[in-house]
Amino acid sequence: MQALVVVESWFGNTAQIAEAIADGLREAGAEVEVTTAASAPHEPVADLIVVAAPTHNLGLPTPASRDKAKEGGGSGESTGVREWLEQARPSAARLTTVDTVVAGVFSGSAAKAAQKLARRKGWHADRGPSFLVSGTKGPLAADAIETATAHGRSLAS
């Protein structure tokens, strides 16, 4: 199995989740490439594509929310998952979305927004889990890395 993990991360938490999912995929025998959304190919060749994004303002990051993250000490690229999904050419690959969220009643979900956008663009997309962070900058919940690695293994089966 060929897998591509496309990630947008501003404080490193989503990148850690993406790497843990990639590790789980590798443990299950998949060949995995991890790339930022800004560097991801617009015509991906893979059996599985995992899209990972942080939740900003109840959904996918926008230029305005990225500016806010940068003001808060985050670092990332000016284009992310939203733009990649808009530009990437849908394929027969299975696409699944995951996100990081701050625990709370009004956290929203970048994974849900990415799944909806991917489907609207013609992908066969499903939604994976959300991984908790405690506060905008993190850290991740204690079991997040272990859970993400297990999720990666399950995606390969």
C-alpha atoms as a PDB file:
ATOM      1  CA  MET A   1       0.000   0.000   0.000  1.00  0.00           C
ATOM      2  CA  GLN A   2       1.170   3.483  -0.903  1.00  0.00           C
ATOM      3  CA  ALA A   3       0.056   6.157   1.567  1.00  0.00           C
ATOM      4  CA  LEU A   4       0.371   9.925   1.471  1.00  0.00           C
ATOM      5  CA  VAL A   5      -0.072  11.968   4.650  1.00  0.00           C
ATOM      6  CA  VAL A   6      -0.847  15.630   3.959  1.00  0.00           C
ATOM      7  CA  VAL A   7      -0.534  17.852   7.012  1.00  0.00           C
ATOM      8  CA  GLU A   8      -1.009  21.452   8.087  1.00  0.00           C
ATOM      9  CA  SER A   9       0.343  22.317  11.522  1.00  0.00           C
ATOM     10  CA  TRP A  10       0.965  25.596  13.325  1.00  0.00           C
ATOM     11  CA  PHE A  11       2.170  24.632  16.775  1.00  0.00           C
ATOM     12  CA  GLY A  12       3.516  21.148  15.997  1.00  0.00           C
ATOM     13  CA  ASN A  13       0.659  19.146  17.515  1.00  0.00           C
ATOM     14  CA  THR A  14      -0.992  18.161  14.233  1.00  0.00           C
ATOM     15  CA  ALA A  15       2.416  17.331  12.750  1.00  0.00           C
ATOM     16  CA  GLN A  16       3.058  14.957  15.666  1.00  0.00           C
ATOM     17  CA  ILE A  17      -0.283  13.250  15.041  1.00  0.00           C
ATOM     18  CA  ALA A  18       0.459  12.957  11.310  1.00  0.00           C
ATOM     19  CA  GLU A  19       3.862  11.386  12.019  1.00  0.00           C
ATOM     20  CA  ALA A  20       2.335   8.941  14.503  1.00  0.00           C
ATOM     21  CA  ILE A  21      -0.289   7.892  11.943  1.00  0.00           C
ATOM     22  CA  ALA A  22       2.501   7.454   9.392  1.00  0.00           C
ATOM     23  CA  ASP A  23       4.434   5.315  11.897  1.00  0.00           C
ATOM     24  CA  GLY A  24       1.375   3.094  12.374  1.00  0.00           C
ATOM     25  CA  LEU A  25       0.940   2.753   8.626  1.00  0.00           C
ATOM     26  CA  ARG A  26       4.615   1.780   8.271  1.00  0.00           C
ATOM     27  CA  GLU A  27       4.297  -0.769  11.083  1.00  0.00           C
ATOM     28  CA  ALA A  28       1.486  -2.357   9.068  1.00  0.00           C
ATOM     29  CA  GLY A  29       3.676  -2.527   5.960  1.00  0.00           C
ATOM     30  CA  ALA A  30       2.657   0.580   4.041  1.00  0.00           C
ATOM     31  CA  GLU A  31       5.060   2.814   2.156  1.00  0.00           C
ATOM     32  CA  VAL A  32       4.373   6.290   3.485  1.00  0.00           C
ATOM     33  CA  GLU A  33       5.251   9.826   2.436  1.00  0.00           C
ATOM     34  CA  VAL A  34       4.493  12.691   4.835  1.00  0.00           C
ATOM     35  CA  THR A  35       4.318  16.178   3.337  1.00  0.00           C
ATOM     36  CA  THR A  36       2.972  19.593   4.179  1.00  0.00           C
ATOM     37  CA  ALA A  37      -0.180  20.649   2.383  1.00  0.00           C
ATOM     38  CA  ALA A  38       1.788  23.440   0.703  1.00  0.00           C
ATOM     39  CA  SER A  39       4.206  20.874  -0.782  1.00  0.00           C
ATOM     40  CA  ALA A  40       1.741  18.060  -1.498  1.00  0.00           C
ATOM     41  CA  PRO A  41       1.336  16.965  -5.114  1.00  0.00           C
ATOM     42  CA  HIS A  42      -1.819  18.156  -6.851  1.00  0.00           C
ATOM     43  CA  GLU A  43      -2.083  14.790  -8.620  1.00  0.00           C
ATOM     44  CA  PRO A  44      -1.303  12.401  -5.779  1.00  0.00           C
ATOM     45  CA  VAL A  45      -0.478   8.779  -6.537  1.00  0.00           C
ATOM     46  CA  ALA A  46      -1.440   6.713  -3.505  1.00  0.00           C
ATOM     47  CA  ASP A  47      -3.869   4.068  -2.319  1.00  0.00           C
ATOM     48  CA  LEU A  48      -4.600   6.038   0.842  1.00  0.00           C
ATOM     49  CA  ILE A  49      -4.408   9.755   1.571  1.00  0.00           C
ATOM     50  CA  VAL A  50      -4.592  10.981   5.156  1.00  0.00           C
ATOM     51  CA  VAL A  51      -5.343  14.688   5.538  1.00  0.00           C
ATOM     52  CA  ALA A  52      -4.469  16.181   8.943  1.00  0.00           C
ATOM     53  CA  ALA A  53      -5.305  19.735   9.992  1.00  0.00           C
ATOM     54  CA  PRO A  54      -5.668  21.773  13.167  1.00  0.00           C
ATOM     55  CA  THR A  55      -9.131  23.059  13.983  1.00  0.00           C
ATOM     56  CA  HIS A  56      -9.285  26.850  13.676  1.00  0.00           C
ATOM     57  CA  ASN A  57     -12.517  28.751  14.373  1.00  0.00           C
ATOM     58  CA  LEU A  58     -14.632  25.563  14.323  1.00  0.00           C
ATOM     59  CA  GLY A  59     -13.259  24.332  10.973  1.00  0.00           C
ATOM     60  CA  LEU A  60     -10.328  24.338   8.577  1.00  0.00           C
ATOM     61  CA  PRO A  61      -7.679  27.041   8.866  1.00  0.00           C
ATOM     62  CA  THR A  62      -8.202  30.149   6.744  1.00  0.00           C
ATOM     63  CA  PRO A  63      -5.758  32.921   5.823  1.00  0.00           C
ATOM     64  CA  ALA A  64      -7.160  35.013   8.706  1.00  0.00           C
ATOM     65  CA  SER A  65      -6.877  32.201  11.270  1.00  0.00           C
ATOM     66  CA  ARG A  66      -3.339  31.436  10.072  1.00  0.00           C
ATOM     67  CA  ASP A  67      -2.412  35.085  10.632  1.00  0.00           C
ATOM     68  CA  LYS A  68      -3.851  34.806  14.144  1.00  0.00           C
ATOM     69  CA  ALA A  69      -1.843  31.628  14.795  1.00  0.00           C
ATOM     70  CA  LYS A  70       1.301  33.363  13.569  1.00  0.00           C
ATOM     71  CA  GLU A  71       0.621  36.311  15.903  1.00  0.00           C
ATOM     72  CA  GLY A  72       0.293  33.781  18.738  1.00  0.00           C
ATOM     73  CA  GLY A  73       3.737  32.329  18.081  1.00  0.00           C
ATOM     74  CA  GLY A  74       2.851  29.588  15.612  1.00  0.00           C
ATOM     75  CA  SER A  75       4.718  28.911  12.442  1.00  0.00           C
ATOM     76  CA  GLY A  76       3.353  27.397   9.272  1.00  0.00           C
ATOM     77  CA  GLU A  77       2.823  28.033   5.604  1.00  0.00           C
ATOM     78  CA  SER A  78       0.427  30.487   4.001  1.00  0.00           C
ATOM     79  CA  THR A  79      -1.444  27.711   2.203  1.00  0.00           C
ATOM     80  CA  GLY A  80      -2.765  24.605   3.864  1.00  0.00           C
ATOM     81  CA  VAL A  81      -5.215  21.744   3.713  1.00  0.00           C
ATOM     82  CA  ARG A  82      -8.140  23.892   2.519  1.00  0.00           C
ATOM     83  CA  GLU A  83      -6.194  25.132  -0.502  1.00  0.00           C
ATOM     84  CA  TRP A  84      -4.718  21.701  -1.243  1.00  0.00           C
ATOM     85  CA  LEU A  85      -8.167  20.090  -1.281  1.00  0.00           C
ATOM     86  CA  GLU A  86      -9.427  22.855  -3.572  1.00  0.00           C
ATOM     87  CA  GLN A  87      -6.571  22.282  -6.051  1.00  0.00           C
ATOM     88  CA  ALA A  88      -5.789  18.557  -5.832  1.00  0.00           C
ATOM     89  CA  ARG A  89      -7.178  16.294  -8.488  1.00  0.00           C
ATOM     90  CA  PRO A  90      -9.473  13.631  -7.010  1.00  0.00           C
ATOM     91  CA  SER A  91      -8.368  10.057  -7.608  1.00  0.00           C
ATOM     92  CA  ALA A  92      -9.506   6.557  -6.723  1.00  0.00           C
ATOM     93  CA  ALA A  93      -7.475   6.768  -3.511  1.00  0.00           C
ATOM     94  CA  ARG A  94      -9.249   6.394  -0.211  1.00  0.00           C
ATOM     95  CA  LEU A  95      -9.055   9.763   1.571  1.00  0.00           C
ATOM     96  CA  THR A  96      -9.551  10.111   5.300  1.00  0.00           C
ATOM     97  CA  THR A  97      -9.378  13.207   7.470  1.00  0.00           C
ATOM     98  CA  VAL A  98      -8.160  13.744  11.042  1.00  0.00           C
ATOM     99  CA  ASP A  99      -7.674  16.849  13.123  1.00  0.00           C
ATOM    100  CA  THR A 100      -6.492  18.288  16.388  1.00  0.00           C
ATOM    101  CA  VAL A 101      -9.013  20.107  18.557  1.00  0.00           C
ATOM    102  CA  VAL A 102      -8.954  22.018  21.808  1.00  0.00           C
ATOM    103  CA  ALA A 103     -11.269  20.297  24.261  1.00  0.00           C
ATOM    104  CA  GLY A 104     -14.489  22.188  24.810  1.00  0.00           C
ATOM    105  CA  VAL A 105     -18.088  22.553  23.823  1.00  0.00           C
ATOM    106  CA  PHE A 106     -17.416  24.853  20.862  1.00  0.00           C
ATOM    107  CA  SER A 107     -14.305  23.252  19.364  1.00  0.00           C
ATOM    108  CA  GLY A 108     -15.713  22.328  15.919  1.00  0.00           C
ATOM    109  CA  SER A 109     -13.794  20.021  13.614  1.00  0.00           C
ATOM    110  CA  ALA A 110     -11.312  20.602  10.802  1.00  0.00           C
ATOM    111  CA  ALA A 111     -11.674  16.887   9.963  1.00  0.00           C
ATOM    112  CA  LYS A 112     -15.413  17.275   9.370  1.00  0.00           C
ATOM    113  CA  ALA A 113     -14.888  20.409   7.259  1.00  0.00           C
ATOM    114  CA  ALA A 114     -12.113  18.717   5.251  1.00  0.00           C
ATOM    115  CA  GLN A 115     -14.266  15.651   4.637  1.00  0.00           C
ATOM    116  CA  LYS A 116     -17.144  17.811   3.370  1.00  0.00           C
ATOM    117  CA  LEU A 117     -14.836  19.815   1.098  1.00  0.00           C
ATOM    118  CA  ALA A 118     -13.151  16.655  -0.224  1.00  0.00           C
ATOM    119  CA  ARG A 119     -16.499  15.062  -1.045  1.00  0.00           C
ATOM    120  CA  ARG A 120     -17.687  18.244  -2.740  1.00  0.00           C
ATOM    121  CA  LYS A 121     -14.541  18.159  -4.886  1.00  0.00           C
ATOM    122  CA  GLY A 122     -15.158  14.525  -5.909  1.00  0.00           C
ATOM    123  CA  TRP A 123     -13.083  12.484  -3.439  1.00  0.00           C
ATOM    124  CA  HIS A 124     -14.370   9.365  -1.697  1.00  0.00           C
ATOM    125  CA  ALA A 125     -13.644  10.692   1.781  1.00  0.00           C
ATOM    126  CA  ASP A 126     -14.316   9.555   5.304  1.00  0.00           C
ATOM    127  CA  ARG A 127     -13.679  11.200   8.630  1.00  0.00           C
ATOM    128  CA  GLY A 128     -11.243   9.827  11.151  1.00  0.00           C
ATOM    129  CA  PRO A 129     -10.758  10.801  14.777  1.00  0.00           C
ATOM    130  CA  SER A 130     -10.067  14.128  16.395  1.00  0.00           C
ATOM    131  CA  PHE A 131      -7.063  14.313  18.732  1.00  0.00           C
ATOM    132  CA  LEU A 132      -7.251  16.537  21.799  1.00  0.00           C
ATOM    133  CA  VAL A 133      -4.813  19.272  22.671  1.00  0.00           C
ATOM    134  CA  SER A 134      -4.982  21.215  25.902  1.00  0.00           C
ATOM    135  CA  GLY A 135      -4.974  24.796  24.701  1.00  0.00           C
ATOM    136  CA  THR A 136      -4.047  26.343  21.374  1.00  0.00           C
ATOM    137  CA  LYS A 137      -0.355  25.552  21.702  1.00  0.00           C
ATOM    138  CA  GLY A 138      -0.841  22.138  23.250  1.00  0.00           C
ATOM    139  CA  PRO A 139       0.380  19.817  24.512  1.00  0.00           C
ATOM    140  CA  LEU A 140      -1.424  16.830  23.071  1.00  0.00           C
ATOM    141  CA  ALA A 141      -3.517  14.659  25.375  1.00  0.00           C
ATOM    142  CA  ALA A 142      -1.458  11.961  27.088  1.00  0.00           C
ATOM    143  CA  ASP A 143      -2.703   9.106  24.894  1.00  0.00           C
ATOM    144  CA  ALA A 144      -2.859  10.997  21.573  1.00  0.00           C
ATOM    145  CA  ILE A 145       0.347   9.656  20.009  1.00  0.00           C
ATOM    146  CA  GLU A 146      -0.432   6.061  20.949  1.00  0.00           C
ATOM    147  CA  THR A 147      -3.990   6.428  19.637  1.00  0.00           C
ATOM    148  CA  ALA A 148      -2.766   8.016  16.381  1.00  0.00           C
ATOM    149  CA  THR A 149      -0.258   5.212  15.811  1.00  0.00           C
ATOM    150  CA  ALA A 150      -2.995   2.621  16.371  1.00  0.00           C
ATOM    151  CA  HIS A 151      -5.226   4.541  13.956  1.00  0.00           C
ATOM    152  CA  GLY A 152      -2.474   4.389  11.335  1.00  0.00           C
ATOM    153  CA  ARG A 153      -2.197   0.625  11.765  1.00  0.00           C
ATOM    154  CA  SER A 154      -5.972   0.262  11.397  1.00  0.00           C
ATOM    155  CA  LEU A 155      -5.984   2.329   8.190  1.00  0.00           C
ATOM    156  CA  ALA A 156      -3.591  -0.139   6.581  1.00  0.00           C
ATOM    157  CA  SER A 157      -5.912  -3.094   7.118  1.00  0.00           C
END
